[in-house]
Amino acid sequence: MVHYQTSPRLYSEEIFHNAATYQEQVFKILDREKTTVVFNSQWLESLGISGIMELSSHYTVAQMLERDDFTKLIMVTGYSSCR
């Protein structure tokens, strides 16, 4: 049996650092004054676990696998419900 390792957990400091590097890149194209950056955690937190489960109930694994990027990720790293 093949055991796949999940990605390491990122802490707030790492997330904010990574986000800053992405913003540096994207604001070379987008106007910083006309752009609002929102972290997933900001709107996911307001949903709560029941809201997230409700949202995820509208999609099947087959629908997600229709996207090439998800299929490649699962083929390389394996499936984990933690994602």
C-alpha atoms as a PDB file:
ATOM      1  CA  MET A   1       0.000   0.000   0.000  1.00  0.00           C
ATOM      2  CA  VAL A   2       1.329   3.420  -0.960  1.00  0.00           C
ATOM      3  CA  HIS A   3       1.170   6.050   1.781  1.00  0.00           C
ATOM      4  CA  TYR A   4       0.984   9.639   0.636  1.00  0.00           C
ATOM      5  CA  GLN A   5       2.047  12.455   2.888  1.00  0.00           C
ATOM      6  CA  THR A   6      -0.139  15.546   3.091  1.00  0.00           C
ATOM      7  CA  SER A   7       1.313  19.012   2.707  1.00  0.00           C
ATOM      8  CA  PRO A   8       2.658  20.541   5.894  1.00  0.00           C
ATOM      9  CA  ARG A   9       0.379  22.959   7.729  1.00  0.00           C
ATOM     10  CA  LEU A  10       1.181  26.598   7.086  1.00  0.00           C
ATOM     11  CA  TYR A  11       0.956  29.036   9.960  1.00  0.00           C
ATOM     12  CA  SER A  12      -0.320  32.609   9.695  1.00  0.00           C
ATOM     13  CA  GLU A  13       3.136  34.156   9.324  1.00  0.00           C
ATOM     14  CA  GLU A  14       3.984  31.874   6.385  1.00  0.00           C
ATOM     15  CA  ILE A  15       0.605  32.459   4.754  1.00  0.00           C
ATOM     16  CA  PHE A  16       0.930  36.247   5.000  1.00  0.00           C
ATOM     17  CA  HIS A  17       4.503  36.111   3.677  1.00  0.00           C
ATOM     18  CA  ASN A  18       3.441  33.952   0.710  1.00  0.00           C
ATOM     19  CA  ALA A  19       0.452  36.197   0.036  1.00  0.00           C
ATOM     20  CA  ALA A  20       2.701  39.256  -0.006  1.00  0.00           C
ATOM     21  CA  THR A  21       4.912  37.696  -2.685  1.00  0.00           C
ATOM     22  CA  TYR A  22       1.848  36.844  -4.799  1.00  0.00           C
ATOM     23  CA  GLN A  23       0.537  40.374  -4.391  1.00  0.00           C
ATOM     24  CA  GLU A  24       3.872  41.831  -5.515  1.00  0.00           C
ATOM     25  CA  GLN A  25       3.543  39.819  -8.711  1.00  0.00           C
ATOM     26  CA  VAL A  26      -0.142  40.442  -9.404  1.00  0.00           C
ATOM     27  CA  PHE A  27       0.050  44.184  -8.779  1.00  0.00           C
ATOM     28  CA  LYS A  28       2.476  44.444 -11.681  1.00  0.00           C
ATOM     29  CA  ILE A  29      -0.629  43.762 -13.792  1.00  0.00           C
ATOM     30  CA  LEU A  30      -3.596  44.865 -11.656  1.00  0.00           C
ATOM     31  CA  ASP A  31      -4.189  48.322 -10.217  1.00  0.00           C
ATOM     32  CA  ARG A  32      -3.596  48.087  -6.466  1.00  0.00           C
ATOM     33  CA  GLU A  33      -6.077  50.921  -5.811  1.00  0.00           C
ATOM     34  CA  LYS A  34      -8.882  49.118  -7.660  1.00  0.00           C
ATOM     35  CA  THR A  35      -8.226  45.663  -6.202  1.00  0.00           C
ATOM     36  CA  THR A  36      -9.461  44.136  -2.956  1.00  0.00           C
ATOM     37  CA  VAL A  37      -7.519  41.166  -1.598  1.00  0.00           C
ATOM     38  CA  VAL A  38      -9.579  38.767   0.522  1.00  0.00           C
ATOM     39  CA  PHE A  39      -8.173  35.653   2.174  1.00  0.00           C
ATOM     40  CA  ASN A  40     -10.187  32.431   1.916  1.00  0.00           C
ATOM     41  CA  SER A  41     -10.156  32.245   5.709  1.00  0.00           C
ATOM     42  CA  GLN A  42     -12.133  35.490   5.910  1.00  0.00           C
ATOM     43  CA  TRP A  43     -15.189  34.149   4.127  1.00  0.00           C
ATOM     44  CA  LEU A  44     -14.793  30.466   5.072  1.00  0.00           C
ATOM     45  CA  GLU A  45     -14.738  31.355   8.767  1.00  0.00           C
ATOM     46  CA  SER A  46     -18.089  33.105   8.461  1.00  0.00           C
ATOM     47  CA  LEU A  47     -19.571  29.987   6.799  1.00  0.00           C
ATOM     48  CA  GLY A  48     -18.647  27.699   9.678  1.00  0.00           C
ATOM     49  CA  ILE A  49     -18.362  23.938   9.275  1.00  0.00           C
ATOM     50  CA  SER A  50     -22.065  23.476   8.478  1.00  0.00           C
ATOM     51  CA  GLY A  51     -21.872  26.076   5.714  1.00  0.00           C
ATOM     52  CA  ILE A  52     -18.755  24.489   4.254  1.00  0.00           C
ATOM     53  CA  MET A  53     -20.442  21.071   4.274  1.00  0.00           C
ATOM     54  CA  GLU A  54     -23.527  22.569   2.615  1.00  0.00           C
ATOM     55  CA  LEU A  55     -21.373  24.193  -0.057  1.00  0.00           C
ATOM     56  CA  SER A  56     -19.388  21.002  -0.707  1.00  0.00           C
ATOM     57  CA  SER A  57     -22.599  18.963  -1.021  1.00  0.00           C
ATOM     58  CA  HIS A  58     -23.286  20.683  -4.340  1.00  0.00           C
ATOM     59  CA  TYR A  59     -20.232  19.120  -6.024  1.00  0.00           C
ATOM     60  CA  THR A  60     -19.154  15.541  -6.615  1.00  0.00           C
ATOM     61  CA  VAL A  61     -15.611  14.199  -6.748  1.00  0.00           C
ATOM     62  CA  ALA A  62     -16.249  13.422 -10.425  1.00  0.00           C
ATOM     63  CA  GLN A  63     -17.047  17.098 -11.074  1.00  0.00           C
ATOM     64  CA  MET A  64     -13.823  18.180  -9.374  1.00  0.00           C
ATOM     65  CA  LEU A  65     -11.826  15.630 -11.374  1.00  0.00           C
ATOM     66  CA  GLU A  66     -13.121  17.196 -14.592  1.00  0.00           C
ATOM     67  CA  ARG A  67     -10.643  19.971 -13.841  1.00  0.00           C
ATOM     68  CA  ASP A  68      -7.219  18.991 -15.108  1.00  0.00           C
ATOM     69  CA  ASP A  69      -5.381  20.642 -12.203  1.00  0.00           C
ATOM     70  CA  PHE A  70      -7.251  18.587  -9.572  1.00  0.00           C
ATOM     71  CA  THR A  71      -6.717  15.366 -11.521  1.00  0.00           C
ATOM     72  CA  LYS A  72      -2.972  16.008 -11.797  1.00  0.00           C
ATOM     73  CA  LEU A  73      -2.720  16.874  -8.102  1.00  0.00           C
ATOM     74  CA  ILE A  74      -4.459  13.668  -7.041  1.00  0.00           C
ATOM     75  CA  MET A  75      -2.424  11.540  -9.462  1.00  0.00           C
ATOM     76  CA  VAL A  76       0.838  12.956  -8.073  1.00  0.00           C
ATOM     77  CA  THR A  77       0.058  13.299  -4.365  1.00  0.00           C
ATOM     78  CA  GLY A  78      -2.847  10.934  -3.782  1.00  0.00           C
ATOM     79  CA  TYR A  79      -6.231  11.748  -2.296  1.00  0.00           C
ATOM     80  CA  SER A  80      -6.619  13.091   1.209  1.00  0.00           C
ATOM     81  CA  SER A  81      -9.870  14.272   2.741  1.00  0.00           C
ATOM     82  CA  CYS A  82      -7.817  16.948   4.540  1.00  0.00           C
ATOM     83  CA  ARG A  83      -7.697  18.937   1.310  1.00  0.00           C
END
